[in-house]
Protein backbone atom coordinates (compact mmCIF):
# COMPACT_ATOMS: atom_id res chain seq x y z
CA MET A 1 -18.25 18.39 -19.59
CA SER A 2 -15.69 15.47 -20.34
CA LYS A 3 -12.26 16.44 -20.73
CA GLY A 4 -11.81 13.70 -23.02
CA HIS A 5 -12.04 9.89 -23.66
CA VAL A 6 -9.38 7.75 -22.52
CA TYR A 7 -9.20 3.88 -23.39
CA VAL A 8 -7.54 1.92 -20.76
CA ALA A 9 -6.17 -1.37 -21.95
CA GLY A 10 -6.14 -3.93 -19.03
CA ALA A 11 -8.66 -4.38 -15.95
CA GLY A 12 -5.89 -5.50 -13.51
CA ILE A 13 -5.13 -3.42 -10.46
CA ILE A 14 -2.92 -1.12 -12.50
CA GLY A 15 -5.71 -0.48 -15.24
CA LEU A 16 -8.05 0.00 -12.66
CA ALA A 17 -6.08 2.59 -10.95
CA VAL A 18 -5.53 4.51 -14.11
CA ALA A 19 -9.26 4.53 -14.90
CA ALA A 20 -10.04 5.58 -11.12
CA ASN A 21 -7.79 8.54 -11.34
CA LEU A 22 -8.84 9.38 -14.80
CA VAL A 23 -12.72 9.55 -14.04
CA GLN A 24 -12.24 11.56 -10.88
CA ARG A 25 -10.56 14.16 -13.15
CA GLY A 26 -13.37 14.46 -15.49
CA PHE A 27 -12.42 11.93 -18.35
CA GLN A 28 -14.61 9.58 -20.02
CA VAL A 29 -13.05 6.28 -19.56
CA THR A 30 -13.58 2.71 -21.07
CA VAL A 31 -11.57 -0.35 -20.07
CA LEU A 32 -10.62 -3.09 -22.28
CA ASP A 33 -9.70 -6.39 -21.16
CA ARG A 34 -9.88 -10.01 -22.50
CA GLU A 35 -11.61 -11.37 -19.62
CA GLY A 36 -12.77 -8.57 -17.37
CA PRO A 37 -11.69 -7.29 -14.11
CA ALA A 38 -8.98 -9.06 -11.72
CA ALA A 39 -8.71 -12.06 -14.08
CA GLY A 40 -5.04 -12.39 -14.43
CA THR A 41 -2.24 -11.68 -12.10
CA SER A 42 -4.13 -8.98 -9.79
CA ARG A 43 -6.45 -11.73 -8.38
CA GLY A 44 -3.86 -14.02 -6.93
CA ASN A 45 -0.91 -11.97 -5.40
CA ALA A 46 0.02 -11.99 -1.65
CA GLY A 47 -2.08 -8.55 -0.92
CA ALA A 48 0.83 -6.45 0.14
CA ILE A 49 1.01 -2.75 -0.03
CA ALA A 50 4.65 -3.13 0.15
CA TRP A 51 5.64 0.73 0.07
CA THR A 52 8.75 -0.01 2.46
CA ASP A 53 10.42 -2.00 -0.18
CA VAL A 54 13.19 0.31 -1.73
CA ALA A 55 15.72 -2.55 -3.09
CA PRO A 56 15.62 -3.51 -6.69
CA LEU A 57 15.77 -7.28 -7.30
CA ALA A 58 18.88 -6.61 -9.58
CA SER A 59 21.57 -6.37 -7.09
CA PRO A 60 25.33 -7.33 -6.62
CA GLY A 61 24.46 -9.60 -3.76
CA LEU A 62 21.72 -11.31 -5.26
CA TRP A 63 23.87 -13.31 -7.67
CA LYS A 64 25.71 -15.28 -4.91
CA GLN A 65 22.18 -16.39 -3.60
CA ALA A 66 20.81 -16.80 -6.98
CA LEU A 67 23.51 -19.39 -8.09
CA LYS A 68 22.77 -21.59 -4.99
CA TRP A 69 18.94 -21.22 -5.84
CA PHE A 70 19.50 -22.17 -9.68
CA ALA A 71 20.72 -25.61 -8.47
CA ASP A 72 17.37 -26.52 -7.14
CA PRO A 73 14.87 -26.99 -9.80
CA LEU A 74 11.94 -26.42 -7.15
CA GLY A 75 13.91 -23.67 -5.50
CA PRO A 76 13.04 -20.07 -5.15
CA LEU A 77 14.63 -19.01 -8.31
CA THR A 78 14.62 -21.15 -11.46
CA VAL A 79 14.60 -21.20 -15.36
CA ARG A 80 12.54 -23.65 -16.86
CA PRO A 81 15.26 -25.67 -19.55
CA ALA A 82 12.74 -25.02 -22.37
CA TYR A 83 12.90 -21.22 -21.76
CA ALA A 84 16.60 -20.59 -20.89
CA LEU A 85 17.72 -19.27 -24.46
CA LYS A 86 14.62 -16.99 -24.61
CA ILE A 87 15.36 -15.50 -21.22
CA LEU A 88 19.08 -15.25 -21.83
CA PRO A 89 18.93 -11.59 -23.36
CA TRP A 90 16.81 -10.51 -20.37
CA MET A 91 19.38 -12.05 -17.80
CA ILE A 92 22.32 -10.03 -19.59
CA ARG A 93 20.54 -6.89 -19.08
CA PHE A 94 19.56 -7.73 -15.55
CA LEU A 95 23.19 -8.55 -14.81
CA ALA A 96 24.01 -5.05 -16.15
CA ALA A 97 21.43 -3.52 -14.06
CA SER A 98 23.12 -5.22 -11.03
CA ASN A 99 26.34 -2.93 -10.90
CA PRO A 100 26.51 -0.85 -7.89
CA LYS A 101 26.03 2.52 -9.80
CA ARG A 102 22.78 1.19 -11.54
CA VAL A 103 21.67 -0.10 -8.33
CA GLU A 104 21.95 3.10 -6.45
CA SER A 105 19.97 5.15 -9.22
CA SER A 106 17.39 2.30 -9.17
CA THR A 107 17.02 2.38 -5.38
CA LYS A 108 16.47 6.12 -5.56
CA ALA A 109 13.77 5.92 -7.99
CA LEU A 110 12.04 2.91 -6.16
CA ALA A 111 12.20 4.88 -3.03
CA ASP A 112 10.65 7.76 -4.56
CA LEU A 113 7.81 5.72 -6.45
CA ASN A 114 7.11 3.50 -3.09
CA GLY A 115 7.20 6.61 -0.97
CA ALA A 116 4.36 7.95 -3.03
CA ALA A 117 2.54 4.78 -3.11
CA LEU A 118 0.89 4.82 0.35
CA PRO A 119 -0.45 8.07 0.36
CA ALA A 120 -2.04 7.54 -3.21
CA TRP A 121 -3.56 4.39 -1.93
CA GLU A 122 -5.07 6.20 0.81
CA ARG A 123 -6.62 8.60 -1.46
CA LEU A 124 -7.95 5.60 -3.77
CA TRP A 125 -9.34 4.00 -0.73
CA ARG A 126 -11.33 6.97 0.54
CA ALA A 127 -12.69 7.71 -3.00
CA SER A 128 -13.62 4.02 -3.82
CA GLY A 129 -15.07 3.38 -0.48
CA THR A 130 -12.62 0.37 0.07
CA HIS A 131 -10.76 1.58 3.02
CA ASN A 132 -12.41 -1.12 5.07
CA GLN A 133 -10.41 -3.72 2.99
CA VAL A 134 -7.03 -2.89 4.41
CA ARG A 135 -5.22 -3.52 7.55
CA LYS A 136 -2.02 -2.28 9.12
CA ASP A 137 -0.55 -5.39 11.11
CA GLY A 138 2.93 -5.10 9.73
CA CYS A 139 4.96 -7.83 8.25
CA LEU A 140 7.30 -10.11 9.81
CA GLU A 141 10.69 -11.24 8.11
CA ILE A 142 11.76 -14.38 9.64
CA PHE A 143 15.14 -16.30 9.34
CA ASP A 144 16.07 -19.84 10.17
CA ALA A 145 19.79 -19.19 9.86
CA GLU A 146 22.12 -16.83 11.23
CA ALA A 147 24.08 -16.15 8.19
CA THR A 148 20.95 -14.91 6.20
CA LEU A 149 20.03 -13.06 9.35
CA LYS A 150 23.13 -11.23 9.31
CA SER A 151 23.12 -10.31 5.51
CA ALA A 152 19.44 -8.85 5.94
CA ARG A 153 20.72 -6.26 8.45
CA GLU A 154 22.48 -4.41 5.62
CA GLY A 155 19.00 -4.19 3.71
CA TRP A 156 17.25 -3.00 6.93
CA ASP A 157 19.95 -0.17 7.37
CA GLU A 158 19.34 0.92 3.95
CA GLN A 159 15.60 1.15 4.40
CA ARG A 160 16.18 3.17 7.79
CA GLU A 161 17.94 5.43 5.81
CA PHE A 162 15.03 6.24 3.87
CA GLY A 163 13.10 6.67 7.04
CA ILE A 164 11.36 3.35 7.20
CA SER A 165 10.90 1.60 10.55
CA ILE A 166 12.48 -1.63 10.93
CA GLU A 167 12.40 -3.42 14.27
CA GLU A 168 14.78 -6.22 14.68
CA LEU A 169 13.49 -9.19 17.13
CA ASP A 170 14.98 -12.27 18.52
CA ALA A 171 13.41 -15.50 18.20
CA GLY A 172 11.42 -15.36 21.49
CA ALA A 173 9.68 -11.93 20.59
CA ILE A 174 8.91 -13.10 17.15
CA ARG A 175 6.91 -16.18 18.78
CA GLU A 176 5.39 -13.76 21.11
CA LEU A 177 3.76 -12.26 17.99
CA GLU A 178 3.28 -15.52 16.14
CA PRO A 179 2.68 -18.20 18.78
CA ASP A 180 2.24 -20.97 16.20
CA LEU A 181 5.90 -20.52 14.59
CA SER A 182 8.04 -23.33 15.24
CA ALA A 183 11.40 -22.96 17.20
CA ARG A 184 13.26 -23.15 13.78
CA VAL A 185 13.34 -19.34 13.76
CA VAL A 186 16.40 -17.61 14.95
CA GLY A 187 15.42 -13.98 14.52
CA GLY A 188 13.98 -11.48 12.28
CA ALA A 189 12.39 -8.07 11.93
CA LEU A 190 8.96 -6.52 12.11
CA VAL A 191 8.18 -3.78 9.60
CA PRO A 192 5.20 -1.97 11.16
CA GLY A 193 4.39 0.15 8.33
CA TRP A 194 3.58 -2.60 6.01
CA MET A 195 -0.02 -3.00 5.00
CA GLN A 196 -2.22 -5.79 3.62
CA VAL A 197 -5.50 -5.99 1.91
CA ASP A 198 -7.94 -8.48 2.73
CA ASP A 199 -7.99 -10.29 -0.59
CA PRO A 200 -6.48 -8.58 -4.02
CA LYS A 201 -9.17 -10.10 -6.02
CA ILE A 202 -11.88 -8.83 -3.72
CA LEU A 203 -10.61 -5.55 -3.90
CA CYS A 204 -10.17 -5.34 -7.53
CA LEU A 205 -13.79 -6.36 -8.09
CA SER A 206 -14.99 -3.64 -5.55
CA ILE A 207 -12.92 -0.86 -7.14
CA ALA A 208 -14.33 -2.07 -10.75
CA ASP A 209 -17.88 -1.97 -9.35
CA TRP A 210 -17.42 1.56 -8.07
CA LEU A 211 -15.97 2.46 -11.26
CA LYS A 212 -18.99 1.27 -13.14
CA GLY A 213 -21.04 3.75 -10.59
CA GLN A 214 -18.89 6.49 -11.90
CA GLY A 215 -19.74 5.78 -15.55
CA VAL A 216 -16.80 3.76 -16.48
CA GLU A 217 -17.42 1.27 -19.48
CA PHE A 218 -16.04 -2.24 -19.24
CA VAL A 219 -15.79 -4.15 -22.51
CA VAL A 220 -14.63 -7.75 -22.71
CA ALA A 221 -12.38 -7.77 -25.93
CA GLU A 222 -8.78 -8.75 -27.02
CA ILE A 223 -6.85 -6.23 -28.94
CA ALA A 224 -5.40 -7.44 -32.19
CA GLY A 225 -3.39 -4.58 -33.28
CA LEU A 226 -2.75 -0.69 -32.82
CA GLU A 227 -2.28 1.77 -35.58
CA PRO A 228 -1.09 5.37 -34.32
CA LYS A 229 -2.83 8.27 -35.64
CA ALA A 230 -2.27 11.87 -35.49
CA ALA A 231 -5.18 12.47 -33.09
CA GLY A 232 -4.81 9.20 -31.07
CA CYS A 233 -4.62 5.53 -31.90
CA GLY A 234 -6.58 3.01 -33.74
CA VAL A 235 -7.40 -0.03 -31.81
CA SER A 236 -8.31 -3.26 -33.76
CA LEU A 237 -10.08 -5.81 -31.81
CA LYS A 238 -10.11 -9.76 -32.28
CA ASP A 239 -13.66 -9.81 -33.10
CA GLY A 240 -13.53 -7.36 -35.75
CA ARG A 241 -14.37 -4.03 -34.12
CA LYS A 242 -12.23 -1.03 -34.50
CA ILE A 243 -11.95 1.88 -31.96
CA ASP A 244 -10.52 5.36 -32.59
CA ALA A 245 -9.03 6.16 -29.07
CA GLU A 246 -8.33 9.78 -28.22
CA HIS A 247 -5.81 8.40 -25.61
CA LEU A 248 -4.82 4.96 -24.91
CA VAL A 249 -3.21 3.57 -21.71
CA ILE A 250 -1.35 0.28 -22.13
CA ALA A 251 -1.74 -1.64 -18.74
CA CYS A 252 -1.72 -5.03 -19.73
CA GLY A 253 0.92 -6.64 -17.50
CA ALA A 254 2.88 -9.22 -18.96
CA TRP A 255 0.94 -8.97 -22.24
CA SER A 256 2.17 -5.51 -22.96
CA LYS A 257 5.12 -6.16 -24.71
CA THR A 258 3.49 -7.13 -27.80
CA LEU A 259 1.46 -3.93 -27.99
CA ALA A 260 4.41 -1.70 -27.49
CA ALA A 261 6.42 -3.26 -30.08
CA GLN A 262 3.51 -2.19 -32.40
CA LEU A 263 4.27 1.18 -31.41
CA GLY A 264 7.98 1.07 -32.00
CA ASP A 265 9.14 0.39 -28.35
CA ALA A 266 11.28 -2.52 -27.72
CA ILE A 267 10.49 -2.96 -24.03
CA PRO A 268 12.83 -5.84 -22.38
CA LEU A 269 9.72 -7.40 -20.53
CA ASP A 270 9.35 -10.85 -19.20
CA THR A 271 7.41 -12.63 -16.62
CA GLU A 272 8.53 -13.82 -13.29
CA ARG A 273 5.88 -16.78 -12.95
CA GLY A 274 4.75 -17.09 -9.30
CA TYR A 275 3.07 -20.02 -7.73
CA ASN A 276 0.67 -20.14 -4.70
CA ILE A 277 -1.75 -22.18 -2.58
CA THR A 278 -4.84 -20.60 -0.75
CA VAL A 279 -6.20 -22.86 2.06
CA PRO A 280 -9.36 -21.81 3.74
CA GLU A 281 -8.88 -24.08 6.85
CA PRO A 282 -5.01 -24.06 7.41
CA GLY A 283 -5.12 -25.32 11.04
CA VAL A 284 -2.67 -22.62 12.12
CA GLN A 285 -3.13 -18.97 13.28
CA VAL A 286 -1.00 -16.46 11.20
CA LYS A 287 -1.69 -12.90 12.29
CA ARG A 288 0.23 -11.02 9.85
CA MET A 289 2.14 -11.44 6.45
CA ILE A 290 5.22 -13.77 7.12
CA MET A 291 8.28 -13.19 4.81
CA LEU A 292 10.75 -15.86 4.44
CA PRO A 293 13.55 -14.05 2.39
CA GLY A 294 16.17 -17.01 2.67
CA HIS A 295 13.41 -19.21 0.82
CA GLY A 296 11.91 -16.86 -1.28
CA PHE A 297 8.17 -17.09 -0.48
CA VAL A 298 5.70 -15.63 1.89
CA ILE A 299 2.65 -16.93 4.15
CA SER A 300 -0.13 -14.41 3.72
CA PRO A 301 -3.33 -14.34 5.91
CA LEU A 302 -6.24 -13.33 3.62
CA SER A 303 -9.87 -12.88 4.34
CA THR A 304 -10.41 -15.88 2.15
CA GLY A 305 -7.65 -18.19 3.64
CA LEU A 306 -4.05 -18.59 4.17
CA ARG A 307 -2.14 -17.84 1.16
CA VAL A 308 1.39 -19.77 0.76
CA GLY A 309 3.41 -18.50 -2.25
CA GLY A 310 6.04 -16.60 -4.16
CA ALA A 311 9.26 -17.73 -5.86
CA VAL A 312 10.26 -16.80 -9.41
CA GLU A 313 10.03 -19.10 -12.42
CA PHE A 314 11.36 -17.97 -15.82
CA GLY A 315 9.22 -19.82 -18.06
CA GLY A 316 7.32 -17.15 -20.25
CA LEU A 317 3.70 -17.06 -20.95
CA HIS A 318 2.98 -20.47 -22.63
CA LEU A 319 4.53 -23.19 -20.92
CA PRO A 320 2.28 -25.17 -18.67
CA PRO A 321 2.58 -24.90 -14.78
CA ASN A 322 4.92 -26.93 -12.57
CA TRP A 323 2.83 -27.68 -9.57
CA LYS A 324 5.58 -29.34 -7.99
CA ARG A 325 6.76 -25.82 -6.90
CA VAL A 326 3.68 -25.44 -4.86
CA ASP A 327 4.37 -28.64 -3.12
CA ALA A 328 8.08 -27.48 -2.25
CA MET A 329 6.93 -24.18 -0.73
CA VAL A 330 4.21 -26.00 1.45
CA ALA A 331 6.93 -28.40 2.34
CA LYS A 332 9.11 -25.39 3.66
CA ALA A 333 6.29 -23.82 5.17
CA ARG A 334 5.61 -26.78 7.25
CA LEU A 335 8.94 -26.36 8.82
CA PHE A 336 8.11 -23.02 10.18
CA TYR A 337 4.33 -24.07 11.06
CA PRO A 338 4.37 -27.76 11.17
CA ASP A 339 0.53 -28.18 11.85
CA LEU A 340 -0.39 -26.49 8.50
CA GLN A 341 -3.00 -28.33 6.59
CA ILE A 342 -3.82 -27.74 2.98
CA GLU A 343 -6.99 -29.94 2.20
CA GLY A 344 -9.32 -27.81 0.01
CA GLY A 345 -6.67 -25.63 -0.88
CA GLU A 346 -6.56 -23.90 -4.17
CA ARG A 347 -3.35 -23.87 -6.54
CA TRP A 348 -2.71 -20.89 -8.79
CA MET A 349 0.15 -19.54 -11.01
CA GLY A 350 0.47 -15.97 -12.04
CA TYR A 351 2.79 -13.73 -14.40
CA ARG A 352 4.72 -11.05 -12.74
CA PRO A 353 5.59 -8.53 -15.56
CA SER A 354 9.33 -7.90 -14.98
CA ILE A 355 11.89 -5.50 -16.33
CA PRO A 356 15.56 -6.03 -15.82
CA ASP A 357 16.18 -2.90 -13.89
CA SER A 358 13.20 -3.52 -11.37
CA LEU A 359 11.77 -0.27 -12.63
CA PRO A 360 8.18 -0.26 -14.27
CA VAL A 361 7.55 1.61 -17.44
CA ILE A 362 5.36 4.48 -16.58
CA SER A 363 5.41 6.87 -19.38
CA PRO A 364 4.13 8.02 -22.98
CA ALA A 365 5.20 5.94 -25.75
CA SER A 366 8.48 7.02 -27.28
CA ARG A 367 7.14 8.06 -30.72
CA HIS A 368 3.34 8.66 -29.67
CA ASP A 369 2.26 11.21 -27.13
CA ARG A 370 -1.24 10.25 -27.07
CA VAL A 371 -0.39 6.47 -26.02
CA PHE A 372 0.76 5.78 -22.43
CA TYR A 373 2.47 2.59 -20.64
CA ALA A 374 1.66 1.60 -17.18
CA PHE A 375 3.37 -1.95 -16.96
CA GLY A 376 6.46 -4.00 -15.64
CA HIS A 377 5.89 -3.54 -12.07
CA ALA A 378 6.78 -7.13 -11.20
CA HIS A 379 6.26 -7.76 -7.61
CA HIS A 380 4.95 -4.48 -6.53
CA GLY A 381 2.00 -4.12 -8.94
CA LEU A 382 -0.48 -3.72 -6.05
CA THR A 383 1.85 -1.73 -4.21
CA GLU A 384 2.33 0.74 -6.90
CA SER A 385 -0.72 0.77 -8.77
CA ALA A 386 -2.42 3.94 -6.98
CA VAL A 387 0.51 6.10 -7.59
CA THR A 388 1.00 4.76 -11.03
CA GLY A 389 -2.51 5.84 -11.85
CA GLU A 390 -1.79 9.23 -10.59
CA LEU A 391 1.22 9.79 -12.54
CA ILE A 392 -0.51 8.57 -15.80
CA ALA A 393 -3.47 11.07 -15.21
CA ASP A 394 -0.55 13.72 -14.55
CA MET A 395 0.96 12.83 -18.02
CA ILE A 396 -2.45 12.83 -19.85
CA GLU A 397 -3.50 16.21 -18.38
CA LYS A 398 0.23 17.59 -18.97
CA LYS A 399 0.68 18.41 -15.34
CA PRO A 400 3.95 18.23 -13.35
CA SER A 401 4.11 14.99 -11.49
CA ALA A 402 4.91 14.64 -7.75
CA ILE A 403 8.09 12.52 -8.28
CA ASP A 404 10.79 12.31 -11.18
CA VAL A 405 9.50 10.25 -13.72
CA GLY A 406 12.44 10.03 -15.78
CA PRO A 407 13.70 6.66 -14.43
CA PHE A 408 10.50 5.09 -15.69
CA ALA A 409 10.56 6.28 -19.35
CA ALA A 410 10.00 3.93 -22.12
CA ASP A 411 13.09 5.32 -23.99
CA ARG A 412 15.62 4.39 -21.31
CA PHE A 413 16.31 1.11 -22.66
């Protein structure tokens, strides 16, 4: 007998993970999405299960680096001029979240959430039969300047304080692991616990297929409006259909802000637009994910090709892509892999749903206890999806959660 019917708005990795946890606990689940599974940001990320990350993006040290990056319109961090006034309130909140006391509390919350992320994923991989789509090759952070290498050591020490293994390596040891790297590398570190999926889109589609086999219904439809009710939430679709949802989970990523506002929650959600190119025949061998923190992008080997991407562009949901950003990343990648080829590569841009304090919203709506939020994961959507699904399922079942969920509440703003 079903415990009840839950509608999940969003068929990206967060929505899929929520649906997976609910169906395993005996709920009837329907997933609504305007395009279907993995059609948005979840299809084009770097594929990392970055549970070893504990530092929030908002931090005192970032501003010094950010000011240098802002000077380059094609650099790792930029604001489109047409969006500068719109992003200003978000930036002010981001600045407030960068004070040491706020950073300390955000780091603790992220460490709790990401510390639970990998065990949650291991449960989901086993349940969905997708355990063969993940590999543990670790991640290399590499640097081409002694100054940035030196500043990285403080972050590594902080990770070690949370029990995360970080192995600092000199340039020679790094090139033994990755022989195709150029002599530009001066040092870095191996994060052996880091994990990566073969391809994030394929993983999402595989989980969606498994969910269908578990009786989960997928409906392609766009939500036009929400109307809270005593026994749930009315959902109006743009095609004219209406749904009475006993429980509703909003997991629409960057598009969640408008829906939350209809329920009375003003969530300071904006987008960090990210770019990449995936090359089927790159002409170089990359054995594991390569992070270049000083340049703000990654080089990620997937089963479908080599993905070069990252960076942050504040430009909202409607401005056209600036594909010169991909060209800039490729040019920098060739400093480290001179023989990199990009013929036949597919360019892509996605919208990371980002909140100024770097913490997602995993919470009941402030005023409606049958509506739940699961969005705002920024760079860690794939990483934190499985644990988010478990936490949302706990909330719907009114069970205690394994971690303190207070820092992720919708009413914290």
